Each structure stands twice: as structure tokens, then as C-alpha cells.
Protein backbone atom coordinates (compact mmCIF):
# COMPACT_ATOMS: atom_id res chain seq x y z
CA UNK A 1 10.60 11.16 17.92
CA UNK A 2 6.97 11.16 17.37
CA UNK A 3 4.52 8.16 16.80
CA UNK A 4 2.60 8.01 13.70
CA UNK A 5 -1.17 6.19 14.30
CA UNK A 6 -2.92 5.89 10.93
CA UNK A 7 -6.23 5.09 10.93
CA UNK A 8 -8.44 3.92 7.99
CA UNK A 9 -12.26 4.12 8.28
CA UNK A 10 -15.32 3.39 6.51
CA UNK A 11 -17.89 5.71 6.06
CA UNK A 12 -21.92 5.12 4.94
CA UNK A 13 -23.75 8.26 3.53
CA UNK A 14 -27.00 7.66 1.42
CA UNK A 15 -25.68 4.73 -0.01
CA UNK A 16 -22.15 5.87 -0.66
CA UNK A 17 -19.41 4.28 1.02
CA UNK A 18 -16.05 6.39 1.66
CA UNK A 19 -12.78 5.87 2.98
CA UNK A 20 -11.06 8.09 5.38
CA UNK A 21 -7.46 8.31 6.60
CA UNK A 22 -6.24 10.04 9.86
CA UNK A 23 -2.84 10.36 10.67
CA UNK A 24 -2.03 11.60 14.16
CA UNK A 25 0.60 12.44 16.79
CA UNK A 26 0.42 13.33 20.06
CA UNK A 27 -0.19 16.94 19.11
CA UNK A 28 -1.69 16.82 16.02
CA UNK A 29 -4.73 14.83 14.01
CA UNK A 30 -5.90 15.08 10.64
CA UNK A 31 -9.03 13.57 8.65
CA UNK A 32 -8.75 13.29 4.96
CA UNK A 33 -10.89 11.82 2.35
CA UNK A 34 -9.15 9.33 0.16
CA UNK A 35 -10.44 8.42 -3.22
CA UNK A 36 -11.94 5.06 -2.86
CA UNK A 37 -15.59 4.29 -2.43
CA UNK A 38 -17.66 1.83 -2.56
CA UNK A 39 -16.20 -0.11 0.41
CA UNK A 40 -17.39 -2.56 3.30
CA UNK A 41 -14.32 -3.54 5.28
CA UNK A 42 -10.79 -2.13 5.62
CA UNK A 43 -7.56 -3.71 7.34
CA UNK A 44 -3.75 -2.16 7.66
CA UNK A 45 -0.86 -4.36 6.52
CA UNK A 46 2.28 -4.12 8.62
CA UNK A 47 3.87 -2.81 5.33
CA UNK A 48 1.28 0.32 5.84
CA UNK A 49 -1.01 -0.83 3.14
CA UNK A 50 -4.56 -0.74 3.49
CA UNK A 51 -6.88 -3.52 1.75
CA UNK A 52 -10.34 -2.88 1.54
CA UNK A 53 -13.55 -4.80 0.55
CA UNK A 54 -15.67 -3.48 -2.03
CA UNK A 55 -19.59 -3.38 -0.95
CA UNK A 56 -19.54 -5.70 -4.06
CA UNK A 57 -17.20 -8.32 -2.83
CA UNK A 58 -14.41 -7.32 -4.58
CA UNK A 59 -10.64 -6.77 -2.86
CA UNK A 60 -8.36 -3.78 -3.12
CA UNK A 61 -5.54 -2.61 -1.64
CA UNK A 62 -3.56 1.14 -1.42
CA UNK A 63 -0.26 2.29 -1.70
CA UNK A 64 1.18 5.56 -1.34
CA UNK A 65 2.93 7.02 -4.82
CA UNK A 66 4.27 10.45 -5.17
CA UNK A 67 2.49 11.66 -1.84
CA UNK A 68 -0.95 9.82 -2.92
CA UNK A 69 -3.01 6.87 -1.85
CA UNK A 70 -4.07 5.07 -5.11
CA UNK A 71 -6.06 1.61 -4.95
CA UNK A 72 -5.61 -1.60 -7.14
CA UNK A 73 -8.33 -4.33 -7.33
CA UNK A 74 -6.70 -7.95 -7.01
CA UNK A 75 -8.92 -10.86 -8.55
CA UNK A 76 -11.32 -11.46 -5.88
CA UNK A 77 -14.95 -11.72 -5.61
CA UNK A 78 -17.95 -12.32 -3.15
CA UNK A 79 -15.93 -11.59 -0.16
CA UNK A 80 -17.35 -9.64 3.35
CA UNK A 81 -14.48 -8.90 5.77
CA UNK A 82 -10.68 -9.12 5.46
CA UNK A 83 -7.51 -8.78 8.04
CA UNK A 84 -3.92 -8.85 7.54
CA UNK A 85 -1.54 -10.98 9.11
CA UNK A 86 1.72 -9.91 10.58
CA UNK A 87 3.40 -11.70 7.61
CA UNK A 88 1.16 -9.81 4.85
CA UNK A 89 -0.69 -12.85 4.17
CA UNK A 90 -4.75 -11.79 3.44
CA UNK A 91 -7.23 -13.47 5.19
CA UNK A 92 -10.91 -12.96 3.97
CA UNK A 93 -14.47 -14.02 4.83
CA UNK A 94 -16.76 -14.74 1.79
CA UNK A 95 -20.36 -14.39 1.52
CA UNK A 96 -21.27 -18.02 2.28
CA UNK A 97 -18.97 -17.85 5.36
CA UNK A 98 -16.21 -19.57 3.82
CA UNK A 99 -12.71 -18.56 5.10
CA UNK A 100 -9.81 -17.52 2.34
CA UNK A 101 -5.96 -16.51 2.70
CA UNK A 102 -4.37 -14.77 -0.25
CA UNK A 103 -0.67 -15.19 -0.09
CA UNK A 104 1.88 -14.98 -2.93
CA UNK A 105 -0.99 -13.91 -5.40
CA UNK A 106 -2.81 -17.33 -4.74
CA UNK A 107 -6.55 -17.94 -3.28
CA UNK A 108 -6.86 -20.55 -0.89
CA UNK A 109 -9.66 -21.68 1.08
CA UNK A 110 -9.04 -22.63 4.81
CA UNK A 111 -10.40 -26.15 6.01
CA UNK A 112 -11.02 -25.10 9.33
CA UNK A 113 -10.97 -28.44 10.57
CA UNK A 114 -12.61 -28.80 14.07
CA UNK A 115 -15.98 -26.67 13.63
CA UNK A 116 -18.73 -28.50 14.86
CA UNK A 117 -22.36 -28.61 13.27
CA UNK A 118 -23.82 -25.76 15.39
CA UNK A 119 -26.59 -24.55 13.26
CA UNK A 120 -24.52 -21.48 11.94
CA UNK A 121 -24.25 -20.05 8.77
CA UNK A 122 -20.61 -19.79 9.04
CA UNK A 123 -17.87 -17.26 9.71
CA UNK A 124 -18.84 -13.69 9.49
CA UNK A 125 -15.60 -11.75 10.44
CA UNK A 126 -11.62 -12.85 10.73
CA UNK A 127 -8.94 -10.59 12.56
CA UNK A 128 -5.14 -11.96 13.43
CA UNK A 129 -3.30 -11.04 16.41
CA UNK A 130 0.09 -9.78 16.31
CA UNK A 131 1.17 -13.26 17.43
CA UNK A 132 -0.25 -14.66 13.92
CA UNK A 133 -3.14 -16.25 15.91
CA UNK A 134 -5.95 -15.92 13.56
CA UNK A 135 -9.58 -15.29 15.11
CA UNK A 136 -12.99 -15.76 13.75
CA UNK A 137 -16.67 -14.97 14.33
CA UNK A 138 -19.19 -17.75 13.46
CA UNK A 139 -23.10 -16.79 13.43
CA UNK A 140 -25.94 -16.12 11.54
CA UNK A 141 -28.73 -13.70 10.33
CA UNK A 142 -26.03 -11.82 8.69
CA UNK A 143 -26.16 -10.58 5.15
CA UNK A 144 -23.27 -9.21 3.09
CA UNK A 145 -25.46 -6.45 2.00
CA UNK A 146 -25.09 -5.06 5.39
CA UNK A 147 -22.45 -4.09 7.69
CA UNK A 148 -23.79 -5.48 10.94
CA UNK A 149 -25.58 -8.87 11.62
CA UNK A 150 -28.89 -9.14 13.29
CA UNK A 151 -29.34 -8.82 16.66
CA UNK A 152 -30.60 -12.22 17.26
CA UNK A 153 -27.46 -13.50 15.99
CA UNK A 154 -25.82 -16.58 17.59
CA UNK A 155 -22.08 -15.59 17.20
CA UNK A 156 -19.40 -17.50 18.41
CA UNK A 157 -15.80 -17.16 18.74
CA UNK A 158 -13.24 -19.62 17.34
CA UNK A 159 -9.22 -19.09 16.68
CA UNK A 160 -6.60 -21.18 14.94
CA UNK A 161 -2.49 -21.44 15.57
CA UNK A 162 -2.03 -23.20 12.46
CA UNK A 163 -3.28 -20.93 9.07
CA UNK A 164 -6.84 -21.85 9.30
CA UNK A 165 -6.14 -25.95 9.13
CA UNK A 166 -7.70 -26.35 12.45
CA UNK A 167 -10.13 -24.31 14.54
CA UNK A 168 -10.82 -24.11 18.16
CA UNK A 169 -14.33 -22.52 19.88
CA UNK A 170 -13.93 -20.04 23.05
CA UNK A 171 -16.65 -20.22 25.11
CA UNK A 172 -18.68 -17.49 23.94
CA UNK A 173 -21.91 -16.39 22.01
CA UNK A 174 -23.78 -13.32 20.36
CA UNK A 175 -21.33 -12.00 19.04
CA UNK A 176 -20.79 -10.39 15.12
CA UNK A 177 -17.12 -8.54 15.18
CA UNK A 178 -13.88 -9.28 16.41
CA UNK A 179 -10.05 -7.67 16.70
CA UNK A 180 -7.52 -9.08 18.63
CA UNK A 181 -4.19 -7.27 19.95
CA UNK A 182 -1.33 -8.70 22.07
CA UNK A 183 -2.57 -11.97 24.12
CA UNK A 184 -1.06 -10.77 27.02
CA UNK A 185 -1.73 -6.59 27.30
CA UNK A 186 -4.48 -5.88 24.94
CA UNK A 187 -6.40 -9.03 24.56
CA UNK A 188 -9.33 -9.92 22.27
CA UNK A 189 -12.15 -7.48 21.46
CA UNK A 190 -15.49 -8.43 20.28
CA UNK A 191 -18.86 -6.51 19.63
CA UNK A 192 -21.57 -8.32 20.39
CA UNK A 193 -24.65 -8.58 17.66
CA UNK A 194 -26.40 -5.99 20.48
CA UNK A 195 -23.84 -3.51 20.07
CA UNK A 196 -22.11 -4.49 23.69
CA UNK A 197 -18.16 -4.72 23.61
CA UNK A 198 -16.47 -7.74 25.23
CA UNK A 199 -12.84 -8.15 26.12
CA UNK A 200 -10.95 -11.68 26.36
CA UNK A 201 -8.24 -11.77 28.18
CA UNK A 202 -6.17 -14.36 30.18
CA UNK A 203 -9.13 -17.04 29.29
CA UNK A 204 -12.35 -14.79 30.32
CA UNK A 205 -14.57 -12.43 29.08
CA UNK A 206 -15.33 -9.09 30.46
CA UNK A 207 -18.00 -6.84 29.40
CA UNK A 208 -17.13 -3.23 28.84
CA UNK A 209 -19.05 0.14 29.47
CA UNK A 210 -19.44 0.65 25.86
CA UNK A 211 -22.48 0.07 23.87
CA UNK A 212 -24.26 1.04 20.39
CA UNK A 213 -20.85 -0.44 18.60
CA UNK A 214 -20.53 -1.87 14.94
CA UNK A 215 -17.32 -2.17 15.10
CA UNK A 216 -13.55 -2.67 16.89
CA UNK A 217 -9.85 -1.70 16.52
CA UNK A 218 -7.38 -3.18 19.01
CA UNK A 219 -4.58 -2.28 17.61
CA UNK A 220 -3.76 1.36 18.86
CA UNK A 221 -1.24 3.82 19.74
CA UNK A 222 0.23 2.80 23.23
CA UNK A 223 -2.24 -0.34 23.29
CA UNK A 224 -5.51 2.16 22.85
CA UNK A 225 -8.82 0.82 21.26
CA UNK A 226 -10.50 2.29 18.95
CA UNK A 227 -14.44 1.69 18.87
CA UNK A 228 -17.20 2.97 16.25
CA UNK A 229 -20.15 4.12 16.51
CA UNK A 230 -23.22 2.07 14.81
CA UNK A 231 -23.83 2.51 10.96
CA UNK A 232 -25.35 5.74 11.21
CA UNK A 233 -25.30 8.86 10.35
CA UNK A 234 -24.66 9.98 13.88
CA UNK A 235 -22.43 7.13 15.21
CA UNK A 236 -19.14 8.76 16.38
CA UNK A 237 -15.69 7.03 16.99
CA UNK A 238 -15.09 6.16 20.30
CA UNK A 239 -11.59 5.52 21.74
CA UNK A 240 -10.28 4.06 25.33
CA UNK A 241 -7.07 3.68 26.63
CA UNK A 242 -8.00 1.22 29.73
CA UNK A 243 -10.97 -0.39 28.53
CA UNK A 244 -13.30 1.64 31.02
CA UNK A 245 -13.02 5.33 30.09
CA UNK A 246 -14.39 6.19 26.58
CA UNK A 247 -14.08 9.33 25.01
CA UNK A 248 -15.95 10.36 21.43
CA UNK A 249 -14.01 11.46 18.19
CA UNK A 250 -15.15 14.64 16.04
CA UNK A 251 -15.56 11.93 13.58
CA UNK A 252 -19.15 10.76 12.90
CA UNK A 253 -20.76 8.34 10.68
CA UNK A 254 -18.57 5.43 10.00
CA UNK A 255 -19.26 1.93 9.99
CA UNK A 256 -15.78 0.10 10.12
CA UNK A 257 -12.56 0.97 11.57
CA UNK A 258 -8.78 -0.52 11.26
CA UNK A 259 -5.77 0.95 13.18
CA UNK A 260 -1.96 0.61 12.05
CA UNK A 261 0.70 2.12 14.10
CA UNK A 262 4.25 2.90 12.49
């Protein structure tokens, strides 16, 4: 039986933002443009629904009806990044660095107790690993008007095992984006504000050979890690199975990426 791997990417082109979906098997891959536009970030729920953040801070989700992918807006504003947990709870980062979760149709702000006063503005990215641990990037010099943070940002990595009530810092600095897989195998992957890519596994960081990246998706087929190039018209999608060898994809000009395997 073939395994279906869906990727959703956000493409930035002359001020416009379009969502593309790729469905692939071992023998076939095809990119399809969706009807969504003006989006900033994307995450895929366990039920296969893509969740999106608009460039204007709104939040949307997609659903398949009669073979077509449609999008519905939910009550929300002033958000910049999004992630969906294994229990389908939606987590989002606000323009002001606060973190919120959307559960049962209700938004609530995460306390994030334990965050120290380190001169940073707040959280700039969020992801949830398959075990339910929530990972955050806390940084400064980031603007909701841009996909990436400044290269001078001082991003640190934090995590929570209790739904955002308390957080713990991992020894880290200089990061802007994060994606998390299974802790024991895939680990946590992070993109530095300088475009470098790092892997956190078994309590230590390892720098990969990848550079010039803007986002990372660590939930791919057979532990495949997928990386996007910088948010530029010529930036390709890069993929790796082993974290050592990176292969370019035919897709180019994307700024954000999310994986779903089902």
C-alpha cells in the first residue's frame, strides 16, 4: 500500500501569498495551487486539515468537500505563527509575542510561567511534537510584517509539558524557527536567524550542512525532514532523510512549510 505524504507550502510572489499542496507517493508527486491567498504560516492537523495564518493576522482552516479544498475563517486576529497538536488543539503566536490555544471553539492565553526577563520581546514561533510537548522560540527584532526575523535576533528555545502553564529553557540562542518530531528519533529542528539549520537530539545541538533556510518541517515521510529556502523567488525546497545529505525539490519561491503523513 502506498503512503500518502501531503505538504502544504506558502509561496510569496510580488507581494501575493499563495498556498500550494503536494500529494506524493513513492512513484508520483504533484503540486497543486489551492484557493487560499494572503497567508503567512501553515500547519497540518492530525485529521489532515491545514490551518493557516493570514498576513493580516487572521486564522483559517481548510476542509475537503467533494474533492475540493475550501477554507473557513475562525474568530481570531493579530496572530503570526500556528501549530496543531496531536489532540487537534490549535496553538498560535500573537503579534505581541503571547501564545494562545484554541480548544473547543474558545481561545485562552497560555501562562508560560518560568519565562525569565531576558530582554527578548516574546515568542515568535511554536510547534507541538507527536508526544504533545509544546516547543517555542523566544526572540526579538521580529516583525509580524515579515516571514523571517532579523539576523541579529537572539532567539532561545523553550518547551512545555503541561499545556503551556510552565516552560523550561533549552540551552540555545540565535534561533527564529522550530519544528519538532519524535524526541528519540527525529528530534527538534531549528532554523537560526542567520539561515543555518540545527538538530536537537538527546540533549545536545548539532549543526547540519544546510544554510540559507527560512523554515523547517520535521514531520515527514519515514522521518524525512523538509526545509524551505529563504523567502525569495528563487528559494528551493530542500529535503533530507539523514540530516546530512540535502536534495533540492523542483518547487521554488516558498517561505513556509508543513508536513502531514496519513
